[in-house]
Amino acid sequence: MTRWRWAGARLLGLRVRLLLTFALLGVTTTAAVASGSYIQARTVILQQAQDAAVASLTDQLTKVYPLAQLPPTQGELDLLAQRLSDREGFAVVIYRDLRAQGSDSPELLTPELRQDVGDGRIAWQRVSFDGQPMLLIGTQLEIDRPDGTSRPSGLEVYSVRSLVPEQQSIDRLATLAWLTGGLSLILAVLLALLAARGVLRPVRDLGLAARRLGEGDLSTRLTVRGADELADVARTFNDTARTLERQVGELRRMESDARRFVADVSHELRTPLAAMTAVTDVLDEEADHLPRDAGRAARLVSQETQNLTQLVNDLIEVSRFDSGTARLALDDVDVAAAVTATLRIRGWVDRVRADLPPGVVARLDPRRLDVIVANLVGNAFRHGAEPVSVRLSADPDWVTIEVSDQGPGLDPEVLPHVFDRFYKADTARTRSEGSGLGLAISWENARLHRHGERRGSLVAGNGPGGGAVFTLRLPRDLTDDEGAR
């Protein structure tokens, strides 16, 4: 689908639209000019041919006028038709029922032309004979009266002339018009290509620069050419990229300082926490022998010291992820046995419904698998409801561990933030314990496992019958050099 969308975008791109626009403009303009010129030239050529034919017929009639007698005999009509015929055409002379023709060509006169000539008008008409254009011109001769007036004589004279030379001239004009249109189209396409290159090159450079900027190359800059609107866009892009680079650099520096601060503080706290842990161990042993308030205080201090120790360890682990120094210690692990050991060490074997088929071996980091499973099961106990279930499945490429509970499940607003650091869904859970780093560390540990293009994942969701479901997928085969983030 993406390939078709890309192809459609290319077909409707700015370059194609510019080419089509220029081509359409060139063809339209050429067609209008050529058509107007062609029609005007055609009219002029035909009018000149008509005027020349009328003038020639009139000149020839003056040579034979006046007639010797009326009505003429057939011989006189034949002689008149011969005298009016020449190499450019022939004449047809008609007097009532008598007819003479200066050529053996078939009948060309039309009733409409005969009617106009019979009414005493000089008429003309263009017809086609055997694919050749012909011009017919007709008139009726008049005879003088004794009183000086004239009347129609009834003698009709028609001149038939070929328009082949004129048609050839018109055809040459049409060919010239087509050639002009073709040359104009080629010129329009060339101009469109030049315009597209001048306009699209800055746009293409801007698109490539924006893509590099989006991929994280904040040093990307455009070369400013000229002083037009595109140059203003390039300058604006450079100013924006420069400001973004400065702000992102400042944010990265602040983030690096914050991470370094957390890592330094976490490491500095380990020594006093070790001493405090030793003291709390003694307090735990003596708590039962202390007065009630003192014993309660001792147990509270011991619990909070353990929580603080866990928080410091989690912060140190997070700092390793952020600095890119987290590594996998790979080993061939019996996944079912490893998960069972995690549950047994924490006393959860009797509280968890385990579906762990034996014989599933994968090359994993057993310590990080223990952390992931312990966090997921502990999270189910704290925020869900028993019974908690752990199911193992595998295929040749993946190992899948699913941890589910029967609690209220995860609110849709909480799902996108489940693996965020220090996130506590107090509005979705009735109890909120811990630092909010356990699921974030589990997610990082899952993604740390990868093999080629396959990378581990941890996904949160809700089961069809209610309750939260966390699905861990890890690639079964890992190479030792792929154990780095």
Protein backbone atom coordinates (compact mmCIF):
# COMPACT_ATOMS: atom_id res chain seq x y z
CA MET A 1 0.00 0.00 0.00
CA THR A 2 2.88 2.34 0.85
CA ARG A 3 4.49 1.66 -2.55
CA TRP A 4 1.26 2.58 -4.39
CA ARG A 5 0.90 5.71 -2.29
CA TRP A 6 4.51 6.66 -3.10
CA ALA A 7 3.91 6.03 -6.82
CA GLY A 8 0.74 8.15 -6.69
CA ALA A 9 2.61 10.93 -4.95
CA ARG A 10 5.30 10.83 -7.68
CA LEU A 11 2.66 10.96 -10.44
CA LEU A 12 0.97 13.94 -8.81
CA GLY A 13 4.21 15.63 -7.75
CA LEU A 14 5.09 19.24 -8.34
CA ARG A 15 7.40 18.43 -11.27
CA VAL A 16 4.65 16.57 -13.14
CA ARG A 17 2.14 19.30 -12.40
CA LEU A 18 4.51 21.99 -13.68
CA LEU A 19 5.13 20.02 -16.85
CA LEU A 20 1.41 19.50 -17.41
CA THR A 21 0.64 23.16 -16.70
CA PHE A 22 3.28 24.50 -19.07
CA ALA A 23 2.38 21.95 -21.74
CA LEU A 24 -1.33 22.74 -21.44
CA LEU A 25 -0.63 26.47 -21.57
CA GLY A 26 1.65 26.10 -24.59
CA VAL A 27 -0.74 23.84 -26.46
CA THR A 28 -3.75 26.02 -25.66
CA THR A 29 -2.01 29.22 -26.72
CA THR A 30 -0.60 27.66 -29.88
CA ALA A 31 -3.92 26.07 -30.76
CA ALA A 32 -5.74 29.37 -30.32
CA VAL A 33 -3.22 31.38 -32.34
CA ALA A 34 -2.76 28.72 -35.03
CA SER A 35 -6.49 28.10 -35.34
CA GLY A 36 -7.22 31.82 -35.64
CA SER A 37 -4.48 32.30 -38.19
CA TYR A 38 -5.54 29.21 -40.12
CA ILE A 39 -9.20 30.25 -40.29
CA GLN A 40 -8.34 33.81 -41.27
CA ALA A 41 -5.84 32.71 -43.94
CA ARG A 42 -8.27 30.10 -45.28
CA THR A 43 -11.00 32.73 -45.57
CA VAL A 44 -8.67 35.15 -47.33
CA ILE A 45 -7.44 32.51 -49.79
CA LEU A 46 -10.94 31.36 -50.68
CA GLN A 47 -12.20 34.93 -50.95
CA GLN A 48 -9.34 35.87 -53.24
CA ALA A 49 -10.02 32.81 -55.38
CA GLN A 50 -13.71 33.70 -55.53
CA ASP A 51 -13.05 37.34 -56.37
CA ALA A 52 -10.55 36.34 -59.07
CA ALA A 53 -13.04 33.88 -60.58
CA VAL A 54 -15.84 36.49 -60.61
CA ALA A 55 -13.52 39.06 -62.16
CA SER A 56 -12.38 36.57 -64.79
CA LEU A 57 -15.97 35.59 -65.64
CA THR A 58 -17.03 39.25 -65.86
CA ASP A 59 -14.11 40.07 -68.10
CA GLN A 60 -14.88 37.18 -70.40
CA LEU A 61 -18.57 38.10 -70.59
CA THR A 62 -17.72 41.65 -71.71
CA LYS A 63 -15.96 40.18 -74.71
CA VAL A 64 -19.03 38.28 -75.93
CA TYR A 65 -21.65 40.84 -74.91
CA PRO A 66 -24.06 41.89 -76.39
CA LEU A 67 -25.55 38.79 -77.88
CA ALA A 68 -26.40 38.71 -81.54
CA GLN A 69 -29.94 37.53 -81.02
CA LEU A 70 -32.31 35.98 -78.53
CA PRO A 71 -33.27 33.28 -78.27
CA PRO A 72 -29.85 31.79 -79.19
CA THR A 73 -29.47 28.63 -81.14
CA GLN A 74 -27.74 25.52 -79.74
CA GLY A 75 -24.70 26.27 -81.84
CA GLU A 76 -24.45 29.80 -80.44
CA LEU A 77 -24.66 28.39 -76.87
CA ASP A 78 -21.95 25.85 -77.62
CA LEU A 79 -19.74 28.55 -79.10
CA LEU A 80 -20.35 30.79 -76.09
CA ALA A 81 -19.51 27.96 -73.65
CA GLN A 82 -16.27 27.27 -75.53
CA ARG A 83 -15.24 30.93 -75.53
CA LEU A 84 -15.90 31.24 -71.79
CA SER A 85 -13.90 28.10 -70.97
CA ASP A 86 -10.17 28.17 -70.38
CA ARG A 87 -7.47 26.06 -68.77
CA GLU A 88 -8.50 27.19 -65.29
CA GLY A 89 -12.05 25.87 -65.67
CA PHE A 90 -15.00 25.49 -67.97
CA ALA A 91 -18.33 27.22 -68.48
CA VAL A 92 -21.92 26.05 -68.57
CA VAL A 93 -24.45 28.14 -70.50
CA ILE A 94 -28.17 27.53 -70.13
CA TYR A 95 -31.08 29.18 -71.92
CA ARG A 96 -34.40 27.72 -70.97
CA ASP A 97 -34.31 24.15 -72.39
CA LEU A 98 -31.03 24.64 -74.24
CA ARG A 99 -27.73 23.80 -72.51
CA ALA A 100 -24.10 23.98 -73.52
CA GLN A 101 -21.03 22.93 -71.50
CA GLY A 102 -17.41 23.60 -72.23
CA SER A 103 -16.30 20.27 -70.75
CA ASP A 104 -17.50 16.68 -70.57
CA SER A 105 -17.57 16.77 -66.75
CA PRO A 106 -20.81 15.58 -65.15
CA GLU A 107 -23.51 17.80 -63.77
CA LEU A 108 -22.18 19.96 -60.89
CA LEU A 109 -24.84 22.66 -60.65
CA THR A 110 -27.08 22.48 -57.60
CA PRO A 111 -30.74 23.52 -57.42
CA GLU A 112 -29.91 26.15 -54.80
CA LEU A 113 -27.35 27.78 -57.09
CA ARG A 114 -29.79 27.67 -60.06
CA GLN A 115 -32.47 29.32 -57.90
CA ASP A 116 -30.17 32.18 -56.82
CA VAL A 117 -29.03 32.83 -60.39
CA GLY A 118 -32.62 32.65 -61.66
CA ASP A 119 -33.52 35.40 -59.21
CA GLY A 120 -31.03 37.68 -60.94
CA ARG A 121 -28.20 37.47 -58.42
CA ILE A 122 -24.53 36.63 -58.85
CA ALA A 123 -24.15 33.47 -56.77
CA TRP A 124 -21.28 31.17 -55.87
CA GLN A 125 -20.94 27.82 -54.21
CA ARG A 126 -18.12 25.42 -53.26
CA VAL A 127 -18.66 21.73 -53.93
CA SER A 128 -16.54 18.59 -53.93
CA PHE A 129 -16.17 16.28 -56.89
CA ASP A 130 -14.05 13.12 -56.71
CA GLY A 131 -12.47 14.45 -53.55
CA GLN A 132 -11.43 17.71 -55.20
CA PRO A 133 -12.87 21.08 -54.22
CA MET A 134 -14.65 23.07 -56.99
CA LEU A 135 -15.94 26.66 -57.13
CA LEU A 136 -19.21 27.35 -58.98
CA ILE A 137 -20.06 30.95 -59.96
CA GLY A 138 -23.26 31.82 -61.79
CA THR A 139 -24.95 34.91 -63.18
CA GLN A 140 -27.78 35.82 -65.57
CA LEU A 141 -27.08 38.11 -68.48
CA GLU A 142 -29.29 41.16 -69.02
CA ILE A 143 -30.51 42.73 -72.23
CA ASP A 144 -30.90 46.46 -72.87
CA ARG A 145 -34.32 47.95 -73.61
CA PRO A 146 -34.95 50.86 -76.06
CA ASP A 147 -35.76 53.14 -73.15
CA GLY A 148 -32.31 52.63 -71.68
CA THR A 149 -33.30 50.14 -68.97
CA SER A 150 -32.34 46.48 -68.83
CA ARG A 151 -34.14 43.27 -68.19
CA PRO A 152 -33.06 39.65 -67.54
CA SER A 153 -32.33 37.83 -70.73
CA GLY A 154 -32.92 34.32 -69.30
CA LEU A 155 -29.41 33.32 -70.37
CA GLU A 156 -27.58 31.76 -67.39
CA VAL A 157 -23.80 31.51 -67.42
CA TYR A 158 -21.90 29.35 -64.89
CA SER A 159 -18.16 29.16 -64.40
CA VAL A 160 -16.71 25.96 -62.85
CA ARG A 161 -13.18 26.29 -61.49
CA SER A 162 -10.94 23.95 -59.50
CA LEU A 163 -9.83 24.97 -55.98
CA VAL A 164 -7.05 22.39 -55.79
CA PRO A 165 -4.22 24.99 -55.70
CA GLU A 166 -6.03 26.91 -53.00
CA GLN A 167 -6.67 23.64 -51.07
CA GLN A 168 -2.98 22.81 -51.30
CA SER A 169 -2.12 26.23 -49.89
CA ILE A 170 -4.61 25.68 -47.05
CA ASP A 171 -3.13 22.20 -46.37
CA ARG A 172 0.33 23.74 -46.16
CA LEU A 173 -1.03 26.24 -43.64
CA ALA A 174 -2.55 23.40 -41.58
CA THR A 175 0.74 21.48 -41.65
CA LEU A 176 2.58 24.61 -40.59
CA ALA A 177 0.08 25.08 -37.76
CA TRP A 178 0.64 21.51 -36.56
CA LEU A 179 4.41 21.95 -36.73
CA THR A 180 4.13 25.21 -34.81
CA GLY A 181 2.01 23.46 -32.19
CA GLY A 182 4.51 20.63 -31.85
CA LEU A 183 7.45 23.00 -31.56
CA SER A 184 5.52 25.07 -29.01
CA LEU A 185 4.80 21.93 -26.99
CA ILE A 186 8.48 20.98 -27.01
CA LEU A 187 9.42 24.52 -26.02
CA ALA A 188 6.82 24.50 -23.25
CA VAL A 189 8.16 21.19 -21.89
CA LEU A 190 11.73 22.55 -21.96
CA LEU A 191 10.63 25.71 -20.16
CA ALA A 192 8.73 23.57 -17.65
CA LEU A 193 11.83 21.47 -17.01
CA LEU A 194 13.90 24.60 -16.47
CA ALA A 195 11.27 26.09 -14.19
CA ALA A 196 10.89 22.79 -12.31
CA ARG A 197 14.62 22.55 -11.84
CA GLY A 198 14.82 26.12 -10.58
CA VAL A 199 11.86 25.68 -8.22
CA LEU A 200 12.14 22.04 -7.21
CA ARG A 201 15.85 21.98 -6.46
CA PRO A 202 15.50 24.24 -3.41
CA VAL A 203 12.32 22.37 -2.41
CA ARG A 204 14.09 19.01 -2.78
CA ASP A 205 17.08 20.29 -0.80
CA LEU A 206 14.69 21.55 1.86
CA GLY A 207 12.96 18.16 2.03
CA LEU A 208 16.27 16.29 2.35
CA ALA A 209 17.49 18.71 5.00
CA ALA A 210 14.23 18.37 6.96
CA ARG A 211 14.54 14.57 6.77
CA ARG A 212 18.13 14.67 8.07
CA LEU A 213 17.06 17.06 10.79
CA GLY A 214 14.22 14.71 11.76
CA GLU A 215 16.70 11.82 11.91
CA GLY A 216 18.75 13.71 14.48
CA ASP A 217 21.41 15.47 12.39
CA LEU A 218 21.00 18.90 13.99
CA SER A 219 24.01 20.31 12.11
CA THR A 220 22.06 20.24 8.84
CA ARG A 221 22.02 23.57 7.01
CA LEU A 222 20.83 24.77 3.61
CA THR A 223 22.83 26.81 1.11
CA VAL A 224 21.05 30.13 0.56
CA ARG A 225 20.91 31.14 -3.11
CA GLY A 226 19.49 34.44 -4.34
CA ALA A 227 17.08 36.76 -2.57
CA ASP A 228 13.66 35.37 -3.51
CA GLU A 229 11.01 33.66 -1.40
CA LEU A 230 12.79 30.30 -1.57
CA ALA A 231 15.92 31.92 -0.22
CA ASP A 232 13.86 33.32 2.66
CA VAL A 233 12.58 29.81 3.37
CA ALA A 234 16.17 28.49 3.41
CA ARG A 235 17.25 31.22 5.80
CA THR A 236 14.29 30.52 8.07
CA PHE A 237 15.12 26.80 8.05
CA ASN A 238 18.74 27.52 8.96
CA ASP A 239 17.70 29.80 11.81
CA THR A 240 15.26 27.18 13.09
CA ALA A 241 17.83 24.39 12.85
CA ARG A 242 20.42 26.54 14.63
CA THR A 243 18.01 27.34 17.45
CA LEU A 244 16.92 23.71 17.71
CA GLU A 245 20.53 22.52 17.81
CA ARG A 246 21.31 24.95 20.60
CA GLN A 247 18.24 24.02 22.64
CA VAL A 248 18.65 20.27 22.14
CA GLY A 249 22.32 20.55 23.04
CA GLU A 250 21.38 22.35 26.24
CA LEU A 251 18.73 19.75 27.05
CA ARG A 252 21.19 16.93 26.40
CA ARG A 253 23.75 18.56 28.60
CA MET A 254 21.20 18.99 31.38
CA GLU A 255 20.01 15.40 30.96
CA SER A 256 23.59 14.13 31.05
CA ASP A 257 24.27 16.16 34.19
CA ALA A 258 21.11 14.82 35.79
CA ARG A 259 22.01 11.23 34.93
CA ARG A 260 25.54 11.70 36.18
CA PHE A 261 24.18 13.22 39.37
CA VAL A 262 21.80 10.29 39.93
CA ALA A 263 24.55 7.78 39.24
CA ASP A 264 27.02 9.55 41.52
CA VAL A 265 24.50 9.90 44.34
CA SER A 266 23.43 6.27 43.96
CA HIS A 267 27.00 5.06 44.20
CA GLU A 268 27.74 7.34 47.13
CA LEU A 269 24.70 6.02 48.97
CA ARG A 270 25.76 2.40 48.70
CA THR A 271 28.38 2.65 51.45
CA PRO A 272 26.15 4.26 54.13
CA LEU A 273 23.30 1.98 53.08
CA ALA A 274 25.52 -1.05 53.63
CA ALA A 275 26.18 0.16 57.15
CA MET A 276 22.51 0.93 57.71
CA THR A 277 21.57 -2.53 56.45
CA ALA A 278 23.93 -4.11 58.98
CA VAL A 279 22.34 -2.02 61.73
CA THR A 280 18.80 -2.89 60.63
CA ASP A 281 19.70 -6.59 60.68
CA VAL A 282 20.56 -6.17 64.36
CA LEU A 283 17.35 -4.19 64.93
CA ASP A 284 15.32 -6.95 63.28
CA GLU A 285 16.78 -9.48 65.69
CA GLU A 286 16.09 -7.25 68.72
CA ALA A 287 12.71 -5.88 67.60
CA ASP A 288 10.72 -8.54 69.40
CA HIS A 289 12.51 -7.75 72.68
CA LEU A 290 12.00 -3.98 72.48
CA PRO A 291 8.97 -2.10 73.83
CA ARG A 292 6.04 -2.06 71.42
CA ASP A 293 6.61 1.44 70.02
CA ALA A 294 10.35 0.93 69.80
CA GLY A 295 9.90 -2.46 68.13
CA ARG A 296 7.47 -0.98 65.61
CA ALA A 297 9.93 1.84 64.88
CA ALA A 298 12.78 -0.62 64.47
CA ARG A 299 10.80 -2.73 62.00
CA LEU A 300 9.76 0.43 60.09
CA VAL A 301 13.36 1.60 59.85
CA SER A 302 14.43 -1.84 58.66
CA GLN A 303 11.70 -1.92 55.96
CA GLU A 304 12.41 1.57 54.71
CA THR A 305 16.14 0.84 54.64
CA GLN A 306 15.43 -2.18 52.44
CA ASN A 307 13.23 -0.03 50.17
CA LEU A 308 15.94 2.61 49.94
CA THR A 309 18.53 -0.04 49.14
CA GLN A 310 16.29 -1.40 46.37
CA LEU A 311 15.74 2.13 45.00
CA VAL A 312 19.47 2.83 44.92
CA ASN A 313 20.13 -0.47 43.14
CA ASP A 314 17.39 0.34 40.63
CA LEU A 315 18.85 3.80 39.99
CA ILE A 316 22.28 2.32 39.42
CA GLU A 317 20.76 -0.16 36.96
CA VAL A 318 18.92 2.63 35.14
CA SER A 319 22.12 4.67 34.92
CA ARG A 320 23.79 1.72 33.20
CA PHE A 321 20.99 1.62 30.62
CA ASP A 322 21.27 5.36 30.00
CA SER A 323 25.04 5.29 29.63
CA GLY A 324 24.95 2.29 27.28
CA THR A 325 27.15 0.14 29.54
CA ALA A 326 24.53 -2.49 30.31
CA ARG A 327 25.70 -5.89 29.07
CA LEU A 328 24.25 -9.37 28.88
CA ALA A 329 25.88 -12.34 30.55
CA LEU A 330 24.57 -15.01 28.19
CA ASP A 331 24.11 -18.66 29.03
CA ASP A 332 22.04 -21.58 27.83
CA VAL A 333 19.09 -21.40 30.20
CA ASP A 334 16.31 -23.90 30.88
CA VAL A 335 13.59 -21.27 30.95
CA ALA A 336 11.07 -23.32 32.95
CA ALA A 337 13.67 -24.13 35.62
CA ALA A 338 14.81 -20.49 35.77
CA VAL A 339 11.25 -19.20 36.26
CA THR A 340 10.56 -21.86 38.89
CA ALA A 341 13.74 -20.83 40.76
CA THR A 342 12.59 -17.20 40.70
CA LEU A 343 9.25 -18.14 42.24
CA ARG A 344 10.81 -20.48 44.81
CA ILE A 345 13.40 -17.99 46.04
CA ARG A 346 10.67 -15.43 46.75
CA GLY A 347 8.24 -17.91 48.27
CA TRP A 348 5.67 -17.59 45.49
CA VAL A 349 5.50 -21.20 44.31
CA ASP A 350 2.27 -21.97 46.18
CA ARG A 351 0.65 -18.65 45.20
CA VAL A 352 1.28 -18.78 41.44
CA ARG A 353 -0.41 -20.95 38.84
CA ALA A 354 2.53 -21.99 36.72
CA ASP A 355 2.23 -23.54 33.26
CA LEU A 356 5.88 -24.18 32.47
CA PRO A 357 6.49 -26.95 29.92
CA PRO A 358 9.98 -28.43 30.38
CA GLY A 359 12.67 -28.62 27.73
CA VAL A 360 12.52 -24.98 26.58
CA VAL A 361 16.15 -23.89 26.32
CA ALA A 362 17.21 -20.43 25.22
CA ARG A 363 20.44 -18.46 25.29
CA LEU A 364 19.59 -15.66 27.73
CA ASP A 365 20.92 -13.67 30.64
CA PRO A 366 19.53 -15.61 33.66
CA ARG A 367 19.95 -12.68 36.08
CA ARG A 368 17.98 -10.30 33.90
CA LEU A 369 15.31 -12.94 33.25
CA ASP A 370 15.00 -13.33 37.04
CA VAL A 371 14.58 -9.57 37.44
CA ILE A 372 11.89 -9.40 34.75
CA VAL A 373 9.83 -12.31 36.08
CA ALA A 374 10.18 -11.17 39.71
CA ASN A 375 9.04 -7.63 38.83
CA LEU A 376 6.07 -8.86 36.79
CA VAL A 377 4.85 -11.37 39.38
CA GLY A 378 5.47 -8.96 42.26
CA ASN A 379 3.60 -6.23 40.38
CA ALA A 380 0.66 -8.65 39.91
CA PHE A 381 0.57 -9.39 43.63
CA ARG A 382 0.79 -5.72 44.63
CA HIS A 383 -1.65 -4.20 42.14
CA GLY A 384 -3.75 -7.11 40.89
CA ALA A 385 -5.58 -9.96 42.56
CA GLU A 386 -4.81 -13.62 42.95
CA PRO A 387 -4.61 -16.09 41.43
CA VAL A 388 -1.55 -15.00 39.46
CA SER A 389 -0.67 -17.11 36.44
CA VAL A 390 2.66 -17.61 34.66
CA ARG A 391 2.57 -19.37 31.28
CA LEU A 392 5.54 -20.35 29.13
CA SER A 393 5.41 -21.06 25.39
CA ALA A 394 8.05 -21.23 22.67
CA ASP A 395 8.63 -21.62 18.98
CA PRO A 396 11.91 -22.05 17.07
CA ASP A 397 12.67 -18.30 17.24
CA TRP A 398 10.94 -16.92 20.33
CA VAL A 399 10.31 -17.63 23.99
CA THR A 400 7.11 -16.14 25.39
CA ILE A 401 6.29 -15.73 29.08
CA GLU A 402 2.85 -14.41 30.02
CA VAL A 403 2.07 -13.13 33.52
CA SER A 404 -1.59 -12.41 34.31
CA ASP A 405 -3.75 -11.68 37.34
CA GLN A 406 -7.45 -11.44 38.17
CA GLY A 407 -7.44 -7.83 39.30
CA PRO A 408 -9.28 -4.83 37.84
CA GLY A 409 -6.87 -4.62 34.90
CA LEU A 410 -5.16 -1.57 33.45
CA ASP A 411 -7.06 1.59 32.63
CA PRO A 412 -6.75 2.58 28.93
CA GLU A 413 -5.23 5.90 29.99
CA VAL A 414 -2.58 4.06 32.00
CA LEU A 415 -1.47 1.59 29.32
CA PRO A 416 0.75 4.03 27.34
CA HIS A 417 2.66 4.95 30.54
CA VAL A 418 3.02 1.57 32.26
CA PHE A 419 6.73 1.32 31.45
CA ASP A 420 7.56 4.98 32.15
CA ARG A 421 10.04 5.58 34.93
CA PHE A 422 8.61 6.58 38.31
CA TYR A 423 5.07 6.22 36.97
CA LYS A 424 2.49 5.20 39.55
CA ALA A 425 -1.06 4.53 38.42
CA ASP A 426 -2.67 5.54 41.68
CA THR A 427 -5.94 6.35 39.92
CA ALA A 428 -6.10 2.89 38.39
CA ARG A 429 -4.84 0.81 41.36
CA THR A 430 -6.17 0.76 44.87
CA ARG A 431 -2.64 0.23 46.20
CA SER A 432 0.51 1.89 44.88
CA GLU A 433 3.82 0.63 46.29
CA GLY A 434 7.42 0.69 45.13
CA SER A 435 9.45 3.34 43.37
CA GLY A 436 7.90 3.01 39.92
CA LEU A 437 11.13 1.72 38.35
CA GLY A 438 10.47 -2.03 38.34
CA LEU A 439 8.48 -2.22 35.09
CA ALA A 440 10.78 0.30 33.40
CA ILE A 441 13.82 -1.84 34.26
CA SER A 442 12.01 -4.99 33.09
CA TRP A 443 11.22 -3.30 29.76
CA GLU A 444 14.86 -2.25 29.32
CA ASN A 445 16.09 -5.78 30.20
CA ALA A 446 13.69 -7.28 27.65
CA ARG A 447 14.89 -4.97 24.86
CA LEU A 448 18.50 -5.67 25.80
CA HIS A 449 18.02 -9.21 24.45
CA ARG A 450 18.27 -9.16 20.67
CA HIS A 451 19.38 -11.38 17.80
CA GLY A 452 19.85 -9.71 14.43
CA GLU A 453 16.64 -7.86 13.63
CA ARG A 454 14.76 -9.63 16.44
CA ARG A 455 14.65 -7.70 19.70
CA GLY A 456 12.99 -8.70 22.93
CA SER A 457 9.80 -6.96 23.97
CA LEU A 458 7.52 -6.53 26.96
CA VAL A 459 3.91 -5.57 26.30
CA ALA A 460 1.14 -4.68 28.76
CA GLY A 461 -2.55 -5.28 28.17
CA ASN A 462 -5.78 -6.64 29.62
CA GLY A 463 -7.08 -10.17 29.38
CA PRO A 464 -10.46 -10.95 27.79
CA GLY A 465 -11.86 -11.95 31.19
CA GLY A 466 -10.34 -9.02 33.06
CA GLY A 467 -7.05 -8.54 34.82
CA ALA A 468 -3.71 -7.24 33.61
CA VAL A 469 -1.59 -9.33 31.23
CA PHE A 470 2.13 -8.73 30.66
CA THR A 471 3.68 -10.59 27.71
CA LEU A 472 7.46 -11.05 27.55
CA ARG A 473 8.98 -12.20 24.23
CA LEU A 474 12.70 -13.00 23.98
CA PRO A 475 14.66 -14.35 20.99
CA ARG A 476 15.91 -17.88 21.67
CA ASP A 477 19.30 -17.53 19.95
CA LEU A 478 21.67 -14.77 20.98
CA THR A 479 25.31 -14.29 20.04
CA ASP A 480 27.79 -13.05 22.61
CA ASP A 481 28.59 -9.84 20.71
CA GLU A 482 24.90 -8.89 20.67
CA GLY A 483 24.63 -8.57 24.41
CA ALA A 484 25.23 -4.80 24.38
CA ARG A 485 22.57 -2.18 24.20
